[in-house]
């Protein structure tokens, strides 16, 4: 990519120089780069969220293993005579 002065205060992003600029192609490059950056940022957020969830899950499993087991409920057989 050649960077040359196209207009006062502006740089050329065209490979052929400032005389071969195509505004549609330039806009496509700019928007594509923004989409790529957004995709990367979204992936970073997803990775961090997954790592945090995995850490919390490990903590939860550790705490649950340290808790005493629940007592088994006792089964009581009710008859019609006991209800009266």
Protein backbone atom coordinates (compact mmCIF):
# COMPACT_ATOMS: atom_id res chain seq x y z
CA UNK A 1 0.00 0.00 0.00
CA UNK A 2 1.36 3.38 -0.97
CA UNK A 3 0.75 6.35 1.29
CA UNK A 4 1.04 9.61 -0.59
CA UNK A 5 -0.56 12.99 -0.21
CA UNK A 6 -3.75 12.96 -2.26
CA UNK A 7 -5.20 16.27 -1.18
CA UNK A 8 -3.98 18.82 1.29
CA UNK A 9 -4.40 17.17 4.71
CA UNK A 10 -5.34 13.71 3.37
CA UNK A 11 -3.41 10.53 2.61
CA UNK A 12 -3.98 8.07 -0.22
CA UNK A 13 -4.90 4.49 0.65
CA UNK A 14 -4.92 3.30 -2.94
CA UNK A 15 -2.21 0.95 -4.24
CA UNK A 16 -1.95 2.99 -7.44
CA UNK A 17 -1.52 6.32 -5.72
CA UNK A 18 -3.81 9.31 -5.26
CA UNK A 19 -5.06 9.30 -8.87
CA UNK A 20 -6.53 5.82 -8.55
CA UNK A 21 -8.64 6.27 -5.46
CA UNK A 22 -12.05 4.63 -5.38
CA UNK A 23 -14.23 5.97 -2.53
CA UNK A 24 -16.38 2.82 -2.53
CA UNK A 25 -13.33 0.58 -2.06
CA UNK A 26 -11.95 2.88 0.61
CA UNK A 27 -15.23 2.76 2.51
CA UNK A 28 -15.30 -1.03 2.19
CA UNK A 29 -11.82 -1.27 3.70
CA UNK A 30 -12.69 1.07 6.55
CA UNK A 31 -15.92 -0.76 7.40
CA UNK A 32 -14.29 -4.18 7.05
CA UNK A 33 -11.57 -3.19 9.50
CA UNK A 34 -14.19 -1.97 11.96
CA UNK A 35 -16.07 -5.26 11.67
CA UNK A 36 -12.88 -7.24 12.20
CA UNK A 37 -12.04 -5.23 15.31
CA UNK A 38 -15.57 -5.65 16.66
CA UNK A 39 -15.38 -9.41 16.05
CA UNK A 40 -12.05 -9.57 17.90
CA UNK A 41 -13.44 -7.57 20.81
CA UNK A 42 -16.51 -9.80 21.00
CA UNK A 43 -14.29 -12.89 21.00
CA UNK A 44 -12.18 -11.43 23.83
CA UNK A 45 -15.30 -10.79 25.90
CA UNK A 46 -16.56 -14.32 25.24
CA UNK A 47 -13.22 -15.86 26.21
CA UNK A 48 -12.99 -13.84 29.43
CA UNK A 49 -16.57 -14.68 30.37
CA UNK A 50 -15.96 -18.38 29.75
CA UNK A 51 -12.77 -18.35 31.84
CA UNK A 52 -14.56 -16.59 34.69
CA UNK A 53 -17.46 -19.04 34.56
CA UNK A 54 -15.06 -21.99 34.65
CA UNK A 55 -13.29 -20.54 37.70
CA UNK A 56 -16.61 -19.99 39.48
CA UNK A 57 -17.69 -23.54 38.59
CA UNK A 58 -14.49 -24.98 40.11
CA UNK A 59 -15.11 -22.97 43.30
CA UNK A 60 -18.71 -24.18 43.45
CA UNK A 61 -17.68 -27.82 43.01
CA UNK A 62 -15.06 -27.45 45.76
CA UNK A 63 -17.57 -25.93 48.18
CA UNK A 64 -20.20 -28.55 47.39
CA UNK A 65 -17.72 -31.37 48.07
CA UNK A 66 -16.92 -29.87 51.48
CA UNK A 67 -20.58 -29.74 52.55
CA UNK A 68 -21.95 -32.69 54.53
CA UNK A 69 -24.36 -34.90 52.61
CA UNK A 70 -28.06 -34.37 53.06
CA UNK A 71 -29.73 -36.84 55.42
CA UNK A 72 -31.98 -39.32 53.72
CA UNK A 73 -35.63 -38.67 54.45
CA UNK A 74 -37.36 -41.25 56.60
CA UNK A 75 -40.34 -42.88 55.03
CA UNK A 76 -43.46 -42.94 57.15
CA UNK A 77 -46.29 -45.23 56.25
CA UNK A 78 -49.63 -43.66 57.01
CA UNK A 79 -52.73 -45.74 57.49
CA UNK A 80 -56.31 -44.61 57.63
CA UNK A 81 -56.42 -45.27 61.38
CA UNK A 82 -53.59 -42.85 62.08
CA UNK A 83 -55.34 -40.04 60.21
CA UNK A 84 -58.37 -40.11 62.47
